[in-house]
Structure formats: structure tokens, C-alpha cells
PDB file of all heavy atoms in Angstrom:
ATOM      1  N   ILE A   1     -48.100  -9.446 -20.213  1.00  0.00           N
ATOM      2  CA  ILE A   1     -48.349  -8.064 -19.785  1.00  0.00           C
ATOM      3  C   ILE A   1     -47.046  -7.307 -19.540  1.00  0.00           C
ATOM      4  O   ILE A   1     -46.970  -6.104 -19.745  1.00  0.00           O
ATOM      5  CB  ILE A   1     -49.269  -8.020 -18.545  1.00  0.00           C
ATOM      6  CG1 ILE A   1     -49.779  -6.586 -18.331  1.00  0.00           C
ATOM      7  CG2 ILE A   1     -48.562  -8.582 -17.320  1.00  0.00           C
ATOM      8  CD1 ILE A   1     -50.889  -6.472 -17.328  1.00  0.00           C
ATOM      9  N   PHE A   2     -46.015  -8.021 -19.134  1.00  0.00           N
ATOM     10  CA  PHE A   2     -44.750  -7.365 -18.827  1.00  0.00           C
ATOM     11  C   PHE A   2     -44.008  -6.899 -20.083  1.00  0.00           C
ATOM     12  O   PHE A   2     -43.017  -6.187 -19.984  1.00  0.00           O
ATOM     13  CB  PHE A   2     -43.873  -8.271 -17.959  1.00  0.00           C
ATOM     14  CG  PHE A   2     -44.532  -8.602 -16.641  1.00  0.00           C
ATOM     15  CD1 PHE A   2     -44.903  -9.893 -16.348  1.00  0.00           C
ATOM     16  CD2 PHE A   2     -44.817  -7.608 -15.715  1.00  0.00           C
ATOM     17  CE1 PHE A   2     -45.535 -10.200 -15.150  1.00  0.00           C
ATOM     18  CE2 PHE A   2     -45.448  -7.894 -14.517  1.00  0.00           C
ATOM     19  CZ  PHE A   2     -45.810  -9.191 -14.231  1.00  0.00           C
ATOM     20  N   ASP A   3     -44.508  -7.252 -21.247  1.00  0.00           N
ATOM     21  CA  ASP A   3     -43.990  -6.682 -22.491  1.00  0.00           C
ATOM     22  C   ASP A   3     -44.492  -5.252 -22.675  1.00  0.00           C
ATOM     23  O   ASP A   3     -43.943  -4.496 -23.469  1.00  0.00           O
ATOM     24  CB  ASP A   3     -44.429  -7.509 -23.709  1.00  0.00           C
ATOM     25  CG  ASP A   3     -43.719  -8.841 -23.801  1.00  0.00           C
ATOM     26  OD1 ASP A   3     -42.698  -9.039 -23.108  1.00  0.00           O
ATOM     27  OD2 ASP A   3     -44.195  -9.702 -24.573  1.00  0.00           O
ATOM     28  N   PHE A   4     -45.542  -4.888 -21.942  1.00  0.00           N
ATOM     29  CA  PHE A   4     -46.192  -3.597 -22.113  1.00  0.00           C
ATOM     30  C   PHE A   4     -46.081  -2.690 -20.898  1.00  0.00           C
ATOM     31  O   PHE A   4     -46.174  -1.475 -21.037  1.00  0.00           O
ATOM     32  CB  PHE A   4     -47.680  -3.802 -22.426  1.00  0.00           C
ATOM     33  CG  PHE A   4     -47.909  -4.619 -23.660  1.00  0.00           C
ATOM     34  CD1 PHE A   4     -48.052  -5.998 -23.582  1.00  0.00           C
ATOM     35  CD2 PHE A   4     -47.952  -4.024 -24.902  1.00  0.00           C
ATOM     36  CE1 PHE A   4     -48.257  -6.765 -24.720  1.00  0.00           C
ATOM     37  CE2 PHE A   4     -48.145  -4.780 -26.047  1.00  0.00           C
ATOM     38  CZ  PHE A   4     -48.296  -6.150 -25.959  1.00  0.00           C
ATOM     39  N   MET A   5     -45.920  -3.277 -19.722  1.00  0.00           N
ATOM     40  CA  MET A   5     -45.903  -2.496 -18.484  1.00  0.00           C
ATOM     41  C   MET A   5     -44.795  -2.981 -17.565  1.00  0.00           C
ATOM     42  O   MET A   5     -44.488  -4.173 -17.533  1.00  0.00           O
ATOM     43  CB  MET A   5     -47.234  -2.632 -17.729  1.00  0.00           C
ATOM     44  CG  MET A   5     -48.426  -2.075 -18.443  1.00  0.00           C
ATOM     45  SD  MET A   5     -49.932  -2.255 -17.450  1.00  0.00           S
ATOM     46  CE  MET A   5     -49.621  -1.027 -16.183  1.00  0.00           C
ATOM     47  N   GLU A   6     -44.259  -2.042 -16.789  1.00  0.00           N
ATOM     48  CA  GLU A   6     -43.258  -2.393 -15.781  1.00  0.00           C
ATOM     49  C   GLU A   6     -43.916  -3.218 -14.672  1.00  0.00           C
ATOM     50  O   GLU A   6     -45.079  -2.996 -14.323  1.00  0.00           O
ATOM     51  CB  GLU A   6     -42.675  -1.128 -15.152  1.00  0.00           C
ATOM     52  CG  GLU A   6     -41.941  -0.236 -16.095  1.00  0.00           C
ATOM     53  CD  GLU A   6     -41.570   1.084 -15.442  1.00  0.00           C
ATOM     54  OE1 GLU A   6     -41.548   1.162 -14.194  1.00  0.00           O
ATOM     55  OE2 GLU A   6     -41.319   2.031 -16.190  1.00  0.00           O
ATOM     56  N   ARG A   7     -43.157  -4.132 -14.111  1.00  0.00           N
ATOM     57  CA  ARG A   7     -43.658  -5.002 -13.039  1.00  0.00           C
ATOM     58  C   ARG A   7     -44.242  -4.180 -11.884  1.00  0.00           C
ATOM     59  O   ARG A   7     -45.306  -4.498 -11.358  1.00  0.00           O
ATOM     60  CB  ARG A   7     -42.531  -5.907 -12.542  1.00  0.00           C
ATOM     61  CG  ARG A   7     -42.973  -6.918 -11.507  1.00  0.00           C
ATOM     62  CD  ARG A   7     -41.899  -7.953 -11.249  1.00  0.00           C
ATOM     63  NE  ARG A   7     -41.556  -8.717 -12.433  1.00  0.00           N
ATOM     64  CZ  ARG A   7     -42.247  -9.776 -12.893  1.00  0.00           C
ATOM     65  NH1 ARG A   7     -43.310 -10.190 -12.257  1.00  0.00           N
ATOM     66  NH2 ARG A   7     -41.861 -10.422 -13.968  1.00  0.00           N
ATOM     67  N   LYS A   8     -43.572  -3.100 -11.513  1.00  0.00           N
ATOM     68  CA  LYS A   8     -44.019  -2.258 -10.398  1.00  0.00           C
ATOM     69  C   LYS A   8     -45.423  -1.712 -10.656  1.00  0.00           C
ATOM     70  O   LYS A   8     -46.268  -1.688  -9.767  1.00  0.00           O
ATOM     71  CB  LYS A   8     -43.032  -1.112 -10.187  1.00  0.00           C
ATOM     72  CG  LYS A   8     -43.401  -0.151  -9.098  1.00  0.00           C
ATOM     73  CD  LYS A   8     -42.388   0.979  -8.994  1.00  0.00           C
ATOM     74  CE  LYS A   8     -42.858   2.015  -8.000  1.00  0.00           C
ATOM     75  NZ  LYS A   8     -42.001   3.173  -7.969  1.00  0.00           N
ATOM     76  N   LYS A   9     -45.685  -1.283 -11.883  1.00  0.00           N
ATOM     77  CA  LYS A   9     -46.995  -0.732 -12.220  1.00  0.00           C
ATOM     78  C   LYS A   9     -48.073  -1.811 -12.235  1.00  0.00           C
ATOM     79  O   LYS A   9     -49.193  -1.574 -11.793  1.00  0.00           O
ATOM     80  CB  LYS A   9     -46.933  -0.023 -13.571  1.00  0.00           C
ATOM     81  CG  LYS A   9     -46.115   1.251 -13.518  1.00  0.00           C
ATOM     82  CD  LYS A   9     -46.084   1.951 -14.850  1.00  0.00           C
ATOM     83  CE  LYS A   9     -45.303   3.244 -14.748  1.00  0.00           C
ATOM     84  NZ  LYS A   9     -45.357   4.016 -15.991  1.00  0.00           N
ATOM     85  N   VAL A  10     -47.737  -2.975 -12.725  1.00  0.00           N
ATOM     86  CA  VAL A  10     -48.692  -4.086 -12.735  1.00  0.00           C
ATOM     87  C   VAL A  10     -49.071  -4.434 -11.293  1.00  0.00           C
ATOM     88  O   VAL A  10     -50.250  -4.603 -10.974  1.00  0.00           O
ATOM     89  CB  VAL A  10     -48.128  -5.321 -13.470  1.00  0.00           C
ATOM     90  CG1 VAL A  10     -49.055  -6.516 -13.312  1.00  0.00           C
ATOM     91  CG2 VAL A  10     -47.900  -5.003 -14.945  1.00  0.00           C
ATOM     92  N   ILE A  11     -48.084  -4.518 -10.438  1.00  0.00           N
ATOM     93  CA  ILE A  11     -48.341  -4.843  -9.026  1.00  0.00           C
ATOM     94  C   ILE A  11     -49.221  -3.778  -8.388  1.00  0.00           C
ATOM     95  O   ILE A  11     -50.161  -4.090  -7.643  1.00  0.00           O
ATOM     96  CB  ILE A  11     -47.014  -5.027  -8.261  1.00  0.00           C
ATOM     97  CG1 ILE A  11     -46.316  -6.297  -8.750  1.00  0.00           C
ATOM     98  CG2 ILE A  11     -47.241  -5.056  -6.756  1.00  0.00           C
ATOM     99  CD1 ILE A  11     -44.893  -6.458  -8.269  1.00  0.00           C
ATOM    100  N   GLU A  12     -48.945  -2.510  -8.693  1.00  0.00           N
ATOM    101  CA  GLU A  12     -49.747  -1.418  -8.147  1.00  0.00           C
ATOM    102  C   GLU A  12     -51.216  -1.554  -8.574  1.00  0.00           C
ATOM    103  O   GLU A  12     -52.125  -1.421  -7.759  1.00  0.00           O
ATOM    104  CB  GLU A  12     -49.184  -0.087  -8.630  1.00  0.00           C
ATOM    105  CG  GLU A  12     -49.938   1.127  -8.122  1.00  0.00           C
ATOM    106  CD  GLU A  12     -49.293   2.423  -8.566  1.00  0.00           C
ATOM    107  OE1 GLU A  12     -48.901   2.542  -9.750  1.00  0.00           O
ATOM    108  OE2 GLU A  12     -49.182   3.307  -7.715  1.00  0.00           O
ATOM    109  N   LEU A  13     -51.432  -1.868  -9.835  1.00  0.00           N
ATOM    110  CA  LEU A  13     -52.800  -2.033 -10.332  1.00  0.00           C
ATOM    111  C   LEU A  13     -53.476  -3.263  -9.739  1.00  0.00           C
ATOM    112  O   LEU A  13     -54.641  -3.200  -9.325  1.00  0.00           O
ATOM    113  CB  LEU A  13     -52.801  -2.110 -11.854  1.00  0.00           C
ATOM    114  CG  LEU A  13     -52.449  -0.813 -12.571  1.00  0.00           C
ATOM    115  CD1 LEU A  13     -52.240  -1.066 -14.056  1.00  0.00           C
ATOM    116  CD2 LEU A  13     -53.515   0.239 -12.346  1.00  0.00           C
ATOM    117  N   VAL A  14     -52.771  -4.367  -9.682  1.00  0.00           N
ATOM    118  CA  VAL A  14     -53.339  -5.592  -9.120  1.00  0.00           C
ATOM    119  C   VAL A  14     -53.703  -5.377  -7.656  1.00  0.00           C
ATOM    120  O   VAL A  14     -54.778  -5.794  -7.205  1.00  0.00           O
ATOM    121  CB  VAL A  14     -52.374  -6.784  -9.293  1.00  0.00           C
ATOM    122  CG1 VAL A  14     -52.827  -7.983  -8.481  1.00  0.00           C
ATOM    123  CG2 VAL A  14     -52.252  -7.148 -10.765  1.00  0.00           C
ATOM    124  N   ASN A  15     -52.832  -4.710  -6.916  1.00  0.00           N
ATOM    125  CA  ASN A  15     -53.127  -4.430  -5.505  1.00  0.00           C
ATOM    126  C   ASN A  15     -54.387  -3.581  -5.371  1.00  0.00           C
ATOM    127  O   ASN A  15     -55.231  -3.844  -4.511  1.00  0.00           O
ATOM    128  CB  ASN A  15     -51.949  -3.757  -4.827  1.00  0.00           C
ATOM    129  CG  ASN A  15     -50.818  -4.708  -4.534  1.00  0.00           C
ATOM    130  OD1 ASN A  15     -50.999  -5.926  -4.507  1.00  0.00           O
ATOM    131  ND2 ASN A  15     -49.630  -4.170  -4.347  1.00  0.00           N
ATOM    132  N   PHE A  16     -54.523  -2.565  -6.213  1.00  0.00           N
ATOM    133  CA  PHE A  16     -55.724  -1.733  -6.174  1.00  0.00           C
ATOM    134  C   PHE A  16     -56.969  -2.570  -6.445  1.00  0.00           C
ATOM    135  O   PHE A  16     -57.973  -2.459  -5.731  1.00  0.00           O
ATOM    136  CB  PHE A  16     -55.634  -0.587  -7.188  1.00  0.00           C
ATOM    137  CG  PHE A  16     -56.917   0.179  -7.298  1.00  0.00           C
ATOM    138  CD1 PHE A  16     -57.226   1.171  -6.384  1.00  0.00           C
ATOM    139  CD2 PHE A  16     -57.836  -0.118  -8.292  1.00  0.00           C
ATOM    140  CE1 PHE A  16     -58.434   1.851  -6.461  1.00  0.00           C
ATOM    141  CE2 PHE A  16     -59.035   0.556  -8.385  1.00  0.00           C
ATOM    142  CZ  PHE A  16     -59.336   1.546  -7.461  1.00  0.00           C
ATOM    143  N   LEU A  17     -56.917  -3.387  -7.484  1.00  0.00           N
ATOM    144  CA  LEU A  17     -58.075  -4.214  -7.840  1.00  0.00           C
ATOM    145  C   LEU A  17     -58.449  -5.157  -6.696  1.00  0.00           C
ATOM    146  O   LEU A  17     -59.626  -5.311  -6.358  1.00  0.00           O
ATOM    147  CB  LEU A  17     -57.788  -5.004  -9.119  1.00  0.00           C
ATOM    148  CG  LEU A  17     -57.604  -4.169 -10.385  1.00  0.00           C
ATOM    149  CD1 LEU A  17     -57.064  -5.033 -11.507  1.00  0.00           C
ATOM    150  CD2 LEU A  17     -58.897  -3.487 -10.785  1.00  0.00           C
ATOM    151  N   TYR A  18     -57.433  -5.776  -6.100  1.00  0.00           N
ATOM    152  CA  TYR A  18     -57.666  -6.722  -5.006  1.00  0.00           C
ATOM    153  C   TYR A  18     -58.228  -6.003  -3.773  1.00  0.00           C
ATOM    154  O   TYR A  18     -59.229  -6.428  -3.192  1.00  0.00           O
ATOM    155  CB  TYR A  18     -56.369  -7.448  -4.666  1.00  0.00           C
ATOM    156  CG  TYR A  18     -56.516  -8.422  -3.524  1.00  0.00           C
ATOM    157  CD1 TYR A  18     -57.147  -9.643  -3.709  1.00  0.00           C
ATOM    158  CD2 TYR A  18     -56.026  -8.108  -2.262  1.00  0.00           C
ATOM    159  CE1 TYR A  18     -57.296 -10.546  -2.659  1.00  0.00           C
ATOM    160  CE2 TYR A  18     -56.163  -8.997  -1.203  1.00  0.00           C
ATOM    161  CZ  TYR A  18     -56.806 -10.210  -1.400  1.00  0.00           C
ATOM    162  OH  TYR A  18     -56.948 -11.078  -0.361  1.00  0.00           O
ATOM    163  N   GLU A  19     -57.585  -4.915  -3.378  1.00  0.00           N
ATOM    164  CA  GLU A  19     -57.988  -4.195  -2.167  1.00  0.00           C
ATOM    165  C   GLU A  19     -59.377  -3.573  -2.298  1.00  0.00           C
ATOM    166  O   GLU A  19     -60.075  -3.391  -1.297  1.00  0.00           O
ATOM    167  CB  GLU A  19     -56.962  -3.104  -1.836  1.00  0.00           C
ATOM    168  CG  GLU A  19     -55.640  -3.678  -1.366  1.00  0.00           C
ATOM    169  CD  GLU A  19     -54.522  -2.653  -1.309  1.00  0.00           C
ATOM    170  OE1 GLU A  19     -54.767  -1.447  -1.559  1.00  0.00           O
ATOM    171  OE2 GLU A  19     -53.379  -3.062  -1.013  1.00  0.00           O
ATOM    172  N   ASN A  20     -59.784  -3.259  -3.515  1.00  0.00           N
ATOM    173  CA  ASN A  20     -61.079  -2.630  -3.737  1.00  0.00           C
ATOM    174  C   ASN A  20     -62.116  -3.600  -4.290  1.00  0.00           C
ATOM    175  O   ASN A  20     -63.223  -3.180  -4.652  1.00  0.00           O
ATOM    176  CB  ASN A  20     -60.918  -1.422  -4.660  1.00  0.00           C
ATOM    177  CG  ASN A  20     -60.155  -0.316  -3.968  1.00  0.00           C
ATOM    178  OD1 ASN A  20     -60.722   0.433  -3.189  1.00  0.00           O
ATOM    179  ND2 ASN A  20     -58.862  -0.245  -4.210  1.00  0.00           N
ATOM    180  N   ASN A  21     -61.750  -4.868  -4.362  1.00  0.00           N
ATOM    181  CA  ASN A  21     -62.653  -5.925  -4.814  1.00  0.00           C
ATOM    182  C   ASN A  21     -63.392  -5.528  -6.094  1.00  0.00           C
ATOM    183  O   ASN A  21     -64.622  -5.529  -6.162  1.00  0.00           O
ATOM    184  CB  ASN A  21     -63.647  -6.284  -3.710  1.00  0.00           C
ATOM    185  CG  ASN A  21     -64.364  -7.578  -4.016  1.00  0.00           C
ATOM    186  OD1 ASN A  21     -63.802  -8.484  -4.620  1.00  0.00           O
ATOM    187  ND2 ASN A  21     -65.619  -7.679  -3.597  1.00  0.00           N
ATOM    188  N   THR A  22     -62.600  -5.143  -7.094  1.00  0.00           N
ATOM    189  CA  THR A  22     -63.189  -4.712  -8.353  1.00  0.00           C
ATOM    190  C   THR A  22     -62.360  -5.214  -9.531  1.00  0.00           C
ATOM    191  O   THR A  22     -61.191  -5.573  -9.369  1.00  0.00           O
ATOM    192  CB  THR A  22     -63.293  -3.170  -8.419  1.00  0.00           C
ATOM    193  OG1 THR A  22     -64.019  -2.807  -9.600  1.00  0.00           O
ATOM    194  CG2 THR A  22     -61.937  -2.504  -8.432  1.00  0.00           C
ATOM    195  N   THR A  23     -62.997  -5.241 -10.665  1.00  0.00           N
ATOM    196  CA  THR A  23     -62.299  -5.528 -11.927  1.00  0.00           C
ATOM    197  C   THR A  23     -62.639  -4.456 -12.959  1.00  0.00           C
ATOM    198  O   THR A  23     -62.329  -4.612 -14.129  1.00  0.00           O
ATOM    199  CB  THR A  23     -62.706  -6.906 -12.489  1.00  0.00           C
ATOM    200  OG1 THR A  23     -64.112  -6.930 -12.691  1.00  0.00           O
ATOM    201  CG2 THR A  23     -62.278  -8.026 -11.554  1.00  0.00           C
ATOM    202  N   LEU A  24     -63.265  -3.382 -12.520  1.00  0.00           N
ATOM    203  CA  LEU A  24     -63.730  -2.345 -13.430  1.00  0.00           C
ATOM    204  C   LEU A  24     -62.631  -1.349 -13.784  1.00  0.00           C
ATOM    205  O   LEU A  24     -62.064  -0.689 -12.912  1.00  0.00           O
ATOM    206  CB  LEU A  24     -64.913  -1.594 -12.822  1.00  0.00           C
ATOM    207  CG  LEU A  24     -66.159  -2.423 -12.532  1.00  0.00           C
ATOM    208  CD1 LEU A  24     -67.207  -1.569 -11.839  1.00  0.00           C
ATOM    209  CD2 LEU A  24     -66.709  -3.010 -13.824  1.00  0.00           C
ATOM    210  N   ALA A  25     -62.371  -1.238 -15.072  1.00  0.00           N
ATOM    211  CA  ALA A  25     -61.365  -0.280 -15.533  1.00  0.00           C
ATOM    212  C   ALA A  25     -61.771   1.145 -15.170  1.00  0.00           C
ATOM    213  O   ALA A  25     -60.914   1.989 -14.893  1.00  0.00           O
ATOM    214  CB  ALA A  25     -61.170  -0.413 -17.036  1.00  0.00           C
ATOM    215  N   SER A  26     -63.064   1.420 -15.136  1.00  0.00           N
ATOM    216  CA  SER A  26     -63.525   2.768 -14.791  1.00  0.00           C
ATOM    217  C   SER A  26     -63.134   3.149 -13.367  1.00  0.00           C
ATOM    218  O   SER A  26     -62.810   4.311 -13.093  1.00  0.00           O
ATOM    219  CB  SER A  26     -65.035   2.884 -14.969  1.00  0.00           C
ATOM    220  OG  SER A  26     -65.712   1.949 -14.147  1.00  0.00           O
ATOM    221  N   GLU A  27     -63.132   2.192 -12.451  1.00  0.00           N
ATOM    222  CA  GLU A  27     -62.715   2.477 -11.075  1.00  0.00           C
ATOM    223  C   GLU A  27     -61.216   2.718 -10.994  1.00  0.00           C
ATOM    224  O   GLU A  27     -60.758   3.573 -10.244  1.00  0.00           O
ATOM    225  CB  GLU A  27     -63.146   1.344 -10.143  1.00  0.00           C
ATOM    226  CG  GLU A  27     -64.644   1.296  -9.951  1.00  0.00           C
ATOM    227  CD  GLU A  27     -65.077   0.276  -8.904  1.00  0.00           C
ATOM    228  OE1 GLU A  27     -64.283  -0.029  -7.996  1.00  0.00           O
ATOM    229  OE2 GLU A  27     -66.214  -0.207  -9.030  1.00  0.00           O
ATOM    230  N   VAL A  28     -60.462   1.967 -11.762  1.00  0.00           N
ATOM    231  CA  VAL A  28     -59.009   2.181 -11.823  1.00  0.00           C
ATOM    232  C   VAL A  28     -58.739   3.578 -12.374  1.00  0.00           C
ATOM    233  O   VAL A  28     -57.936   4.331 -11.823  1.00  0.00           O
ATOM    234  CB  VAL A  28     -58.327   1.104 -12.700  1.00  0.00           C
ATOM    235  CG1 VAL A  28     -56.859   1.429 -12.898  1.00  0.00           C
ATOM    236  CG2 VAL A  28     -58.498  -0.274 -12.083  1.00  0.00           C
ATOM    237  N   GLN A  29     -59.426   3.943 -13.449  1.00  0.00           N
ATOM    238  CA  GLN A  29     -59.232   5.247 -14.082  1.00  0.00           C
ATOM    239  C   GLN A  29     -59.612   6.371 -13.119  1.00  0.00           C
ATOM    240  O   GLN A  29     -58.915   7.378 -13.032  1.00  0.00           O
ATOM    241  CB  GLN A  29     -60.064   5.333 -15.366  1.00  0.00           C
ATOM    242  CG  GLN A  29     -59.796   6.565 -16.187  1.00  0.00           C
ATOM    243  CD  GLN A  29     -58.434   6.559 -16.838  1.00  0.00           C
ATOM    244  OE1 GLN A  29     -57.898   5.517 -17.141  1.00  0.00           O
ATOM    245  NE2 GLN A  29     -57.877   7.718 -17.043  1.00  0.00           N
ATOM    246  N   ALA A  30     -60.705   6.196 -12.396  1.00  0.00           N
ATOM    247  CA  ALA A  30     -61.137   7.216 -11.442  1.00  0.00           C
ATOM    248  C   ALA A  30     -60.108   7.400 -10.333  1.00  0.00           C
ATOM    249  O   ALA A  30     -59.849   8.528  -9.904  1.00  0.00           O
ATOM    250  CB  ALA A  30     -62.499   6.842 -10.858  1.00  0.00           C
ATOM    251  N   TYR A  31     -59.517   6.328  -9.876  1.00  0.00           N
ATOM    252  CA  TYR A  31     -58.548   6.397  -8.780  1.00  0.00           C
ATOM    253  C   TYR A  31     -57.199   6.943  -9.248  1.00  0.00           C
ATOM    254  O   TYR A  31     -56.628   7.831  -8.624  1.00  0.00           O
ATOM    255  CB  TYR A  31     -58.370   5.016  -8.148  1.00  0.00           C
ATOM    256  CG  TYR A  31     -57.404   5.023  -6.986  1.00  0.00           C
ATOM    257  CD1 TYR A  31     -57.832   5.440  -5.725  1.00  0.00           C
ATOM    258  CD2 TYR A  31     -56.082   4.625  -7.140  1.00  0.00           C
ATOM    259  CE1 TYR A  31     -56.953   5.457  -4.648  1.00  0.00           C
ATOM    260  CE2 TYR A  31     -55.200   4.646  -6.075  1.00  0.00           C
ATOM    261  CZ  TYR A  31     -55.636   5.065  -4.837  1.00  0.00           C
ATOM    262  OH  TYR A  31     -54.762   5.086  -3.773  1.00  0.00           O
ATOM    263  N   PHE A  32     -56.687   6.412 -10.344  1.00  0.00           N
ATOM    264  CA  PHE A  32     -55.337   6.771 -10.794  1.00  0.00           C
ATOM    265  C   PHE A  32     -55.328   7.960 -11.756  1.00  0.00           C
ATOM    266  O   PHE A  32     -54.256   8.517 -12.024  1.00  0.00           O
ATOM    267  CB  PHE A  32     -54.654   5.575 -11.464  1.00  0.00           C
ATOM    268  CG  PHE A  32     -54.281   4.488 -10.503  1.00  0.00           C
ATOM    269  CD1 PHE A  32     -55.030   3.334 -10.406  1.00  0.00           C
ATOM    270  CD2 PHE A  32     -53.157   4.605  -9.695  1.00  0.00           C
ATOM    271  CE1 PHE A  32     -54.681   2.319  -9.522  1.00  0.00           C
ATOM    272  CE2 PHE A  32     -52.795   3.604  -8.810  1.00  0.00           C
ATOM    273  CZ  PHE A  32     -53.563   2.462  -8.724  1.00  0.00           C
ATOM    274  N   GLY A  33     -56.467   8.310 -12.305  1.00  0.00           N
ATOM    275  CA  GLY A  33     -56.541   9.443 -13.229  1.00  0.00           C
ATOM    276  C   GLY A  33     -55.709   9.194 -14.483  1.00  0.00           C
ATOM    277  O   GLY A  33     -55.758   8.127 -15.065  1.00  0.00           O
ATOM    278  N   GLU A  34     -54.953  10.180 -14.854  1.00  0.00           N
ATOM    279  CA  GLU A  34     -54.178  10.136 -16.102  1.00  0.00           C
ATOM    280  C   GLU A  34     -52.907   9.272 -16.000  1.00  0.00           C
ATOM    281  O   GLU A  34     -52.200   9.128 -16.977  1.00  0.00           O
ATOM    282  CB  GLU A  34     -53.805  11.545 -16.537  1.00  0.00           C
ATOM    283  CG  GLU A  34     -55.004  12.408 -16.867  1.00  0.00           C
ATOM    284  CD  GLU A  34     -55.830  11.871 -18.016  1.00  0.00           C
ATOM    285  OE1 GLU A  34     -55.223  11.454 -19.033  1.00  0.00           O
ATOM    286  OE2 GLU A  34     -57.066  11.840 -17.891  1.00  0.00           O
ATOM    287  N   LEU A  35     -52.646   8.721 -14.845  1.00  0.00           N
ATOM    288  CA  LEU A  35     -51.434   7.904 -14.670  1.00  0.00           C
ATOM    289  C   LEU A  35     -51.456   6.682 -15.584  1.00  0.00           C
ATOM    290  O   LEU A  35     -50.427   6.283 -16.110  1.00  0.00           O
ATOM    291  CB  LEU A  35     -51.308   7.471 -13.202  1.00  0.00           C
ATOM    292  CG  LEU A  35     -50.025   6.755 -12.810  1.00  0.00           C
ATOM    293  CD1 LEU A  35     -48.802   7.639 -13.084  1.00  0.00           C
ATOM    294  CD2 LEU A  35     -50.057   6.385 -11.334  1.00  0.00           C
ATOM    295  N   TYR A  36     -52.644   6.114 -15.794  1.00  0.00           N
ATOM    296  CA  TYR A  36     -52.802   4.955 -16.673  1.00  0.00           C
ATOM    297  C   TYR A  36     -53.924   5.222 -17.657  1.00  0.00           C
ATOM    298  O   TYR A  36     -54.936   5.819 -17.314  1.00  0.00           O
ATOM    299  CB  TYR A  36     -53.133   3.687 -15.875  1.00  0.00           C
ATOM    300  CG  TYR A  36     -52.086   3.298 -14.880  1.00  0.00           C
ATOM    301  CD1 TYR A  36     -52.301   3.476 -13.519  1.00  0.00           C
ATOM    302  CD2 TYR A  36     -50.880   2.768 -15.296  1.00  0.00           C
ATOM    303  CE1 TYR A  36     -51.325   3.120 -12.599  1.00  0.00           C
ATOM    304  CE2 TYR A  36     -49.907   2.417 -14.374  1.00  0.00           C
ATOM    305  CZ  TYR A  36     -50.136   2.586 -13.033  1.00  0.00           C
ATOM    306  OH  TYR A  36     -49.171   2.240 -12.128  1.00  0.00           O
ATOM    307  N   SER A  37     -53.765   4.736 -18.863  1.00  0.00           N
ATOM    308  CA  SER A  37     -54.853   4.850 -19.838  1.00  0.00           C
ATOM    309  C   SER A  37     -55.714   3.597 -19.729  1.00  0.00           C
ATOM    310  O   SER A  37     -55.323   2.609 -19.117  1.00  0.00           O
ATOM    311  CB  SER A  37     -54.292   4.972 -21.252  1.00  0.00           C
ATOM    312  OG  SER A  37     -53.657   3.776 -21.643  1.00  0.00           O
TER     313      SER A  37
END
């Protein structure tokens, strides 16, 4: 994954997934908006 994304961004996403007990990309998209595709 680090070939495609900076470590800081991966950590930010993983933290969101963990804290919100989800694996749904739609929830990530709703929270972060256009920041991540």
C-alpha cells in the first residue's frame, strides 16, 4: 500500500476505520469527502 499512499494517510484511514468500527469505503468517503477517492 505504501507504493500508492503516504504512511501518514494510511494511518489516518486505518485510525478512522478502527475508531468507527467499520470497513465500508462508503463511510470513509462520507467522512473524508474528496480527500480520498
